[in-house]
C-alpha atoms as a PDB file:
ATOM      1  CA  MET A   1       1.186   5.998  24.527  1.00  0.00           C
ATOM      2  CA  ILE A   2       4.291   3.909  23.841  1.00  0.00           C
ATOM      3  CA  VAL A   3       7.328   5.982  24.793  1.00  0.00           C
ATOM      4  CA  ALA A   4      10.975   5.119  24.133  1.00  0.00           C
ATOM      5  CA  GLY A   5      14.067   6.769  25.545  1.00  0.00           C
ATOM      6  CA  VAL A   6      16.967   7.248  23.118  1.00  0.00           C
ATOM      7  CA  ASP A   7      20.600   8.110  23.784  1.00  0.00           C
ATOM      8  CA  GLU A   8      23.987   7.818  22.093  1.00  0.00           C
ATOM      9  CA  VAL A   9      27.439   6.970  23.440  1.00  0.00           C
ATOM     10  CA  GLY A  10      30.876   7.646  22.011  1.00  0.00           C
ATOM     11  CA  ARG A  11      30.255  10.870  20.170  1.00  0.00           C
ATOM     12  CA  GLY A  12      33.283  12.566  21.730  1.00  0.00           C
ATOM     13  CA  CYS A  13      35.658   9.628  21.333  1.00  0.00           C
ATOM     14  CA  TRP A  14      38.712   9.743  19.102  1.00  0.00           C
ATOM     15  CA  ALA A  15      38.349   6.162  17.901  1.00  0.00           C
ATOM     16  CA  GLY A  16      35.797   3.489  17.124  1.00  0.00           C
ATOM     17  CA  PRO A  17      32.117   3.524  16.152  1.00  0.00           C
ATOM     18  CA  VAL A  18      29.325   5.497  17.805  1.00  0.00           C
ATOM     19  CA  PHE A  19      26.546   3.550  19.522  1.00  0.00           C
ATOM     20  CA  ALA A  20      22.960   4.413  20.407  1.00  0.00           C
ATOM     21  CA  ALA A  21      20.194   2.571  22.208  1.00  0.00           C
ATOM     22  CA  ALA A  22      16.439   2.868  22.500  1.00  0.00           C
ATOM     23  CA  ALA A  23      14.511   1.556  25.492  1.00  0.00           C
ATOM     24  CA  ILE A  24      10.828   1.205  26.313  1.00  0.00           C
ATOM     25  CA  LEU A  25      10.229   0.651  30.026  1.00  0.00           C
ATOM     26  CA  PRO A  26       7.083  -0.699  31.683  1.00  0.00           C
ATOM     27  CA  ASP A  27       5.225   1.645  34.018  1.00  0.00           C
ATOM     28  CA  GLY A  28       6.653   1.660  37.508  1.00  0.00           C
ATOM     29  CA  LEU A  29       9.974   0.011  36.692  1.00  0.00           C
ATOM     30  CA  ARG A  30      12.496   0.777  39.425  1.00  0.00           C
ATOM     31  CA  HIS A  31      16.172   0.010  39.947  1.00  0.00           C
ATOM     32  CA  LYS A  32      18.457   1.658  42.491  1.00  0.00           C
ATOM     33  CA  HIS A  33      21.192   2.307  39.912  1.00  0.00           C
ATOM     34  CA  LEU A  34      19.001   3.644  37.102  1.00  0.00           C
ATOM     35  CA  ASN A  35      20.704   6.921  36.190  1.00  0.00           C
ATOM     36  CA  ASP A  36      22.891   8.553  33.562  1.00  0.00           C
ATOM     37  CA  SER A  37      25.450   5.878  32.611  1.00  0.00           C
ATOM     38  CA  LYS A  38      28.310   8.338  33.153  1.00  0.00           C
ATOM     39  CA  LEU A  39      27.298   8.615  36.820  1.00  0.00           C
ATOM     40  CA  VAL A  40      27.099   4.862  37.464  1.00  0.00           C
ATOM     41  CA  GLN A  41      30.162   2.823  38.428  1.00  0.00           C
ATOM     42  CA  ARG A  42      31.118   0.079  35.951  1.00  0.00           C
ATOM     43  CA  GLU A  43      30.081  -2.836  38.173  1.00  0.00           C
ATOM     44  CA  CYS A  44      26.706  -1.260  38.892  1.00  0.00           C
ATOM     45  CA  ARG A  45      26.290  -0.390  35.216  1.00  0.00           C
ATOM     46  CA  GLU A  46      26.877  -4.010  34.226  1.00  0.00           C
ATOM     47  CA  GLU A  47      24.347  -5.146  36.831  1.00  0.00           C
ATOM     48  CA  LEU A  48      21.803  -2.621  35.609  1.00  0.00           C
ATOM     49  CA  ASN A  49      22.405  -3.561  31.980  1.00  0.00           C
ATOM     50  CA  GLU A  50      21.764  -7.219  32.804  1.00  0.00           C
ATOM     51  CA  PHE A  51      18.582  -6.270  34.647  1.00  0.00           C
ATOM     52  CA  LEU A  52      17.292  -4.187  31.738  1.00  0.00           C
ATOM     53  CA  CYS A  53      18.266  -6.522  28.922  1.00  0.00           C
ATOM     54  CA  THR A  54      16.779  -9.630  30.555  1.00  0.00           C
ATOM     55  CA  HIS A  55      13.616  -8.027  31.949  1.00  0.00           C
ATOM     56  CA  ALA A  56      10.599  -9.549  30.235  1.00  0.00           C
ATOM     57  CA  ASP A  57       8.778  -6.234  29.916  1.00  0.00           C
ATOM     58  CA  VAL A  58      11.650  -4.014  28.757  1.00  0.00           C
ATOM     59  CA  ARG A  59      11.963  -3.461  25.008  1.00  0.00           C
ATOM     60  CA  TRP A  60      15.380  -2.327  23.836  1.00  0.00           C
ATOM     61  CA  ALA A  61      17.634  -2.207  20.781  1.00  0.00           C
ATOM     62  CA  VAL A  62      21.108  -0.956  19.911  1.00  0.00           C
ATOM     63  CA  GLY A  63      22.137   0.912  16.764  1.00  0.00           C
ATOM     64  CA  VAL A  64      25.668   1.521  15.520  1.00  0.00           C
ATOM     65  CA  ALA A  65      27.249   3.910  13.036  1.00  0.00           C
ATOM     66  CA  SER A  66      30.598   2.739  11.753  1.00  0.00           C
ATOM     67  CA  LEU A  67      33.876   4.607  11.567  1.00  0.00           C
ATOM     68  CA  GLU A  68      33.385   4.933   7.802  1.00  0.00           C
ATOM     69  CA  GLU A  69      29.956   6.500   8.332  1.00  0.00           C
ATOM     70  CA  ILE A  70      31.400   8.908  10.906  1.00  0.00           C
ATOM     71  CA  GLU A  71      34.043   9.998   8.401  1.00  0.00           C
ATOM     72  CA  LEU A  72      31.487  10.321   5.601  1.00  0.00           C
ATOM     73  CA  LEU A  73      28.622  12.008   7.452  1.00  0.00           C
ATOM     74  CA  ASN A  74      30.436  13.715  10.388  1.00  0.00           C
ATOM     75  CA  ILE A  75      30.003  12.639  13.991  1.00  0.00           C
ATOM     76  CA  LEU A  76      26.732  14.483  14.608  1.00  0.00           C
ATOM     77  CA  HIS A  77      24.898  12.933  11.675  1.00  0.00           C
ATOM     78  CA  ALA A  78      26.438   9.529  12.344  1.00  0.00           C
ATOM     79  CA  SER A  79      25.142   9.731  15.928  1.00  0.00           C
ATOM     80  CA  LEU A  80      21.648  10.530  14.656  1.00  0.00           C
ATOM     81  CA  LEU A  81      21.913   7.609  12.223  1.00  0.00           C
ATOM     82  CA  ALA A  82      22.788   5.279  15.104  1.00  0.00           C
ATOM     83  CA  MET A  83      19.738   6.571  16.983  1.00  0.00           C
ATOM     84  CA  ARG A  84      17.456   5.897  14.010  1.00  0.00           C
ATOM     85  CA  ARG A  85      18.846   2.380  13.734  1.00  0.00           C
ATOM     86  CA  ALA A  86      18.265   1.754  17.437  1.00  0.00           C
ATOM     87  CA  VAL A  87      14.636   2.879  17.224  1.00  0.00           C
ATOM     88  CA  ALA A  88      14.106   0.854  14.039  1.00  0.00           C
ATOM     89  CA  GLY A  89      15.388  -2.207  15.895  1.00  0.00           C
ATOM     90  CA  LEU A  90      12.682  -2.086  18.546  1.00  0.00           C
ATOM     91  CA  LEU A  91      10.152  -4.899  18.225  1.00  0.00           C
ATOM     92  CA  THR A  92       7.467  -2.518  19.499  1.00  0.00           C
ATOM     93  CA  ALA A  93       7.220   0.705  17.519  1.00  0.00           C
ATOM     94  CA  PRO A  94       7.167   3.761  19.787  1.00  0.00           C
ATOM     95  CA  GLU A  95       4.692   6.598  19.331  1.00  0.00           C
ATOM     96  CA  LEU A  96       7.003   9.086  21.046  1.00  0.00           C
ATOM     97  CA  CYS A  97      10.771   9.096  21.458  1.00  0.00           C
ATOM     98  CA  LEU A  98      12.440  11.082  24.216  1.00  0.00           C
ATOM     99  CA  ILE A  99      15.920  11.993  23.004  1.00  0.00           C
ATOM    100  CA  ASP A 100      18.799  13.102  25.182  1.00  0.00           C
ATOM    101  CA  GLY A 101      20.136  16.493  24.114  1.00  0.00           C
ATOM    102  CA  ASN A 102      18.703  19.156  21.844  1.00  0.00           C
ATOM    103  CA  MET A 103      18.775  17.519  18.407  1.00  0.00           C
ATOM    104  CA  LYS A 104      15.958  15.481  16.904  1.00  0.00           C
ATOM    105  CA  ALA A 105      16.983  12.347  15.016  1.00  0.00           C
ATOM    106  CA  GLY A 106      14.492  12.431  12.135  1.00  0.00           C
ATOM    107  CA  LEU A 107      12.384   9.491  13.313  1.00  0.00           C
ATOM    108  CA  ASP A 108       9.075   8.246  11.956  1.00  0.00           C
ATOM    109  CA  CYS A 109       7.323   9.086  15.214  1.00  0.00           C
ATOM    110  CA  GLU A 110       6.916  12.107  17.457  1.00  0.00           C
ATOM    111  CA  GLU A 111      10.172  13.282  19.027  1.00  0.00           C
ATOM    112  CA  MET A 112      10.919  15.324  22.127  1.00  0.00           C
ATOM    113  CA  THR A 113      14.441  16.412  23.046  1.00  0.00           C
ATOM    114  CA  ILE A 114      15.424  16.732  26.704  1.00  0.00           C
ATOM    115  CA  ILE A 115      18.621  18.407  27.869  1.00  0.00           C
ATOM    116  CA  ASP A 116      20.326  16.150  30.457  1.00  0.00           C
ATOM    117  CA  GLY A 117      17.621  13.628  29.727  1.00  0.00           C
ATOM    118  CA  ASP A 118      19.803  10.706  30.789  1.00  0.00           C
ATOM    119  CA  ALA A 119      19.737  12.119  34.334  1.00  0.00           C
ATOM    120  CA  ARG A 120      16.075  13.201  34.255  1.00  0.00           C
ATOM    121  CA  CYS A 121      14.181  10.491  32.364  1.00  0.00           C
ATOM    122  CA  PRO A 122      14.284   6.765  33.294  1.00  0.00           C
ATOM    123  CA  SER A 123      13.863   5.477  29.745  1.00  0.00           C
ATOM    124  CA  ILE A 124      16.686   7.712  28.452  1.00  0.00           C
ATOM    125  CA  ALA A 125      18.847   6.619  31.387  1.00  0.00           C
ATOM    126  CA  ALA A 126      18.149   2.998  30.475  1.00  0.00           C
ATOM    127  CA  ALA A 127      19.104   3.653  26.849  1.00  0.00           C
ATOM    128  CA  SER A 128      22.262   5.391  28.040  1.00  0.00           C
ATOM    129  CA  VAL A 129      23.315   2.380  30.108  1.00  0.00           C
ATOM    130  CA  ILE A 130      22.554  -0.155  27.373  1.00  0.00           C
ATOM    131  CA  ALA A 131      24.444   1.853  24.749  1.00  0.00           C
ATOM    132  CA  LYS A 132      27.392   2.453  27.079  1.00  0.00           C
ATOM    133  CA  VAL A 133      27.814  -1.213  28.001  1.00  0.00           C
ATOM    134  CA  ALA A 134      27.469  -2.315  24.369  1.00  0.00           C
ATOM    135  CA  ARG A 135      30.086   0.177  23.189  1.00  0.00           C
ATOM    136  CA  ASP A 136      32.484  -0.570  26.051  1.00  0.00           C
ATOM    137  CA  ARG A 137      32.364  -4.260  25.142  1.00  0.00           C
ATOM    138  CA  ALA A 138      32.967  -3.473  21.480  1.00  0.00           C
ATOM    139  CA  MET A 139      35.989  -1.315  22.356  1.00  0.00           C
ATOM    140  CA  ALA A 140      37.380  -4.082  24.580  1.00  0.00           C
ATOM    141  CA  GLU A 141      37.181  -6.418  21.582  1.00  0.00           C
ATOM    142  CA  LEU A 142      38.944  -3.852  19.395  1.00  0.00           C
ATOM    143  CA  ALA A 143      41.647  -3.555  22.052  1.00  0.00           C
ATOM    144  CA  VAL A 144      42.642  -7.136  21.299  1.00  0.00           C
ATOM    145  CA  LEU A 145      43.207  -6.202  17.652  1.00  0.00           C
ATOM    146  CA  TYR A 146      44.925  -2.898  18.512  1.00  0.00           C
ATOM    147  CA  PRO A 147      46.765  -3.654  21.762  1.00  0.00           C
ATOM    148  CA  HIS A 148      48.999  -0.570  21.867  1.00  0.00           C
ATOM    149  CA  TYR A 149      46.289   2.006  22.584  1.00  0.00           C
ATOM    150  CA  GLY A 150      44.528   0.905  25.781  1.00  0.00           C
ATOM    151  CA  PHE A 151      41.038   0.973  24.275  1.00  0.00           C
ATOM    152  CA  GLU A 152      39.835  -1.454  26.958  1.00  0.00           C
ATOM    153  CA  LYS A 153      40.540   1.267  29.540  1.00  0.00           C
ATOM    154  CA  HIS A 154      39.659   4.635  28.021  1.00  0.00           C
ATOM    155  CA  LYS A 155      37.283   3.346  25.319  1.00  0.00           C
ATOM    156  CA  GLY A 156      38.687   5.766  22.748  1.00  0.00           C
ATOM    157  CA  TYR A 157      38.325   8.993  24.714  1.00  0.00           C
ATOM    158  CA  GLY A 158      41.184  11.484  24.653  1.00  0.00           C
ATOM    159  CA  THR A 159      42.789  10.595  27.972  1.00  0.00           C
ATOM    160  CA  PRO A 160      46.483  11.264  28.718  1.00  0.00           C
ATOM    161  CA  GLU A 161      47.167   7.551  28.251  1.00  0.00           C
ATOM    162  CA  HIS A 162      45.522   7.632  24.836  1.00  0.00           C
ATOM    163  CA  GLN A 163      47.477  10.735  23.864  1.00  0.00           C
ATOM    164  CA  ARG A 164      50.765   9.087  24.838  1.00  0.00           C
ATOM    165  CA  ALA A 165      49.898   6.006  22.758  1.00  0.00           C
ATOM    166  CA  LEU A 166      49.093   8.178  19.754  1.00  0.00           C
ATOM    167  CA  ALA A 167      52.374  10.055  20.113  1.00  0.00           C
ATOM    168  CA  LEU A 168      54.263   6.775  20.231  1.00  0.00           C
ATOM    169  CA  HIS A 169      52.403   4.703  17.645  1.00  0.00           C
ATOM    170  CA  GLY A 170      50.456   7.184  15.515  1.00  0.00           C
ATOM    171  CA  PRO A 171      46.771   6.649  14.667  1.00  0.00           C
ATOM    172  CA  SER A 172      45.386   3.182  14.016  1.00  0.00           C
ATOM    173  CA  SER A 173      42.887   2.295  11.318  1.00  0.00           C
ATOM    174  CA  ILE A 174      40.007   2.739  13.758  1.00  0.00           C
ATOM    175  CA  HIS A 175      40.915   6.306  14.775  1.00  0.00           C
ATOM    176  CA  ARG A 176      38.629   9.092  13.568  1.00  0.00           C
ATOM    177  CA  ARG A 177      40.892  10.995  11.228  1.00  0.00           C
ATOM    178  CA  ALA A 178      38.378  13.797  10.768  1.00  0.00           C
ATOM    179  CA  PHE A 179      38.981  14.744  14.396  1.00  0.00           C
ATOM    180  CA  ARG A 180      41.620  17.435  14.804  1.00  0.00           C
ATOM    181  CA  PRO A 181      43.823  15.655  17.408  1.00  0.00           C
ATOM    182  CA  ILE A 182      43.974  12.582  15.182  1.00  0.00           C
ATOM    183  CA  ARG A 183      44.783  14.650  12.085  1.00  0.00           C
ATOM    184  CA  GLU A 184      47.639  16.254  13.982  1.00  0.00           C
ATOM    185  CA  HIS A 185      49.076  12.909  15.073  1.00  0.00           C
ATOM    186  CA  ALA A 186      48.582  11.501  11.570  1.00  0.00           C
ATOM    187  CA  SER A 187      50.495  14.404  10.053  1.00  0.00           C
ATOM    188  CA  ALA A 188      53.308  13.957  12.551  1.00  0.00           C
ATOM    189  CA  SER A 189      53.527  10.233  11.834  1.00  0.00           C
ATOM    190  CA  VAL A 190      54.014  10.667   8.073  1.00  0.00           C
ATOM    191  CA  LEU A 191      56.924  13.082   8.138  1.00  0.00           C
ATOM    192  CA  ASP A 192      59.412  11.976   5.510  1.00  0.00           C
ATOM    193  CA  ALA A 193      63.139  11.642   6.032  1.00  0.00           C
ATOM    194  CA  ASP A 194      63.709  15.309   5.149  1.00  0.00           C
ATOM    195  CA  GLY A 195      61.198  16.427   7.772  1.00  0.00           C
ATOM    196  CA  GLU A 196      58.659  17.494   5.173  1.00  0.00           C
ATOM    197  CA  GLY A 197      55.083  16.656   6.015  1.00  0.00           C
ATOM    198  CA  SER A 198      53.008  14.588   3.610  1.00  0.00           C
ATOM    199  CA  THR A 199      49.439  15.549   2.794  1.00  0.00           C
ATOM    200  CA  TRP A 200      46.516  13.201   3.538  1.00  0.00           C
END
């Protein structure tokens, strides 16, 4: 049976798109750093990503849901959309997809959800790493266009640095305005001269 691991990255971020990856690993594939991407240091993650993405017998693909799709669908359904796009991008169609978490993505094959799957299942861990590296690189590119927010460092997560930048500059066009912290900063940034808040 052809089995793919599927995971998403960036669901909890305050800015930018959400990414997902799907990975099909050959039997017996081993790498000392293969684990949940959140538990792997950046340098090791980059090394592992290179290993996976250049390995002749690894099949992988990345799917993305845009900021506009996040706003339209909500972050959960946008994440599932990114997963479906990742699986659809595989050159080899899987018969079973192992999905990190507890929510099926609505794929055209059998699905099995696994809580903490990125720490328990090698193919999900591989998908986690590939998605994480792809999204981190995309956020570093966006940081060039939006230099005041530090996206290259926190990748859009709600760190203290990110919160300070929002307080100083207000939300950018790539912030997720459906998220409560961003709505609050947006409301604060559009106060008129009389101190009356405008409505979005």
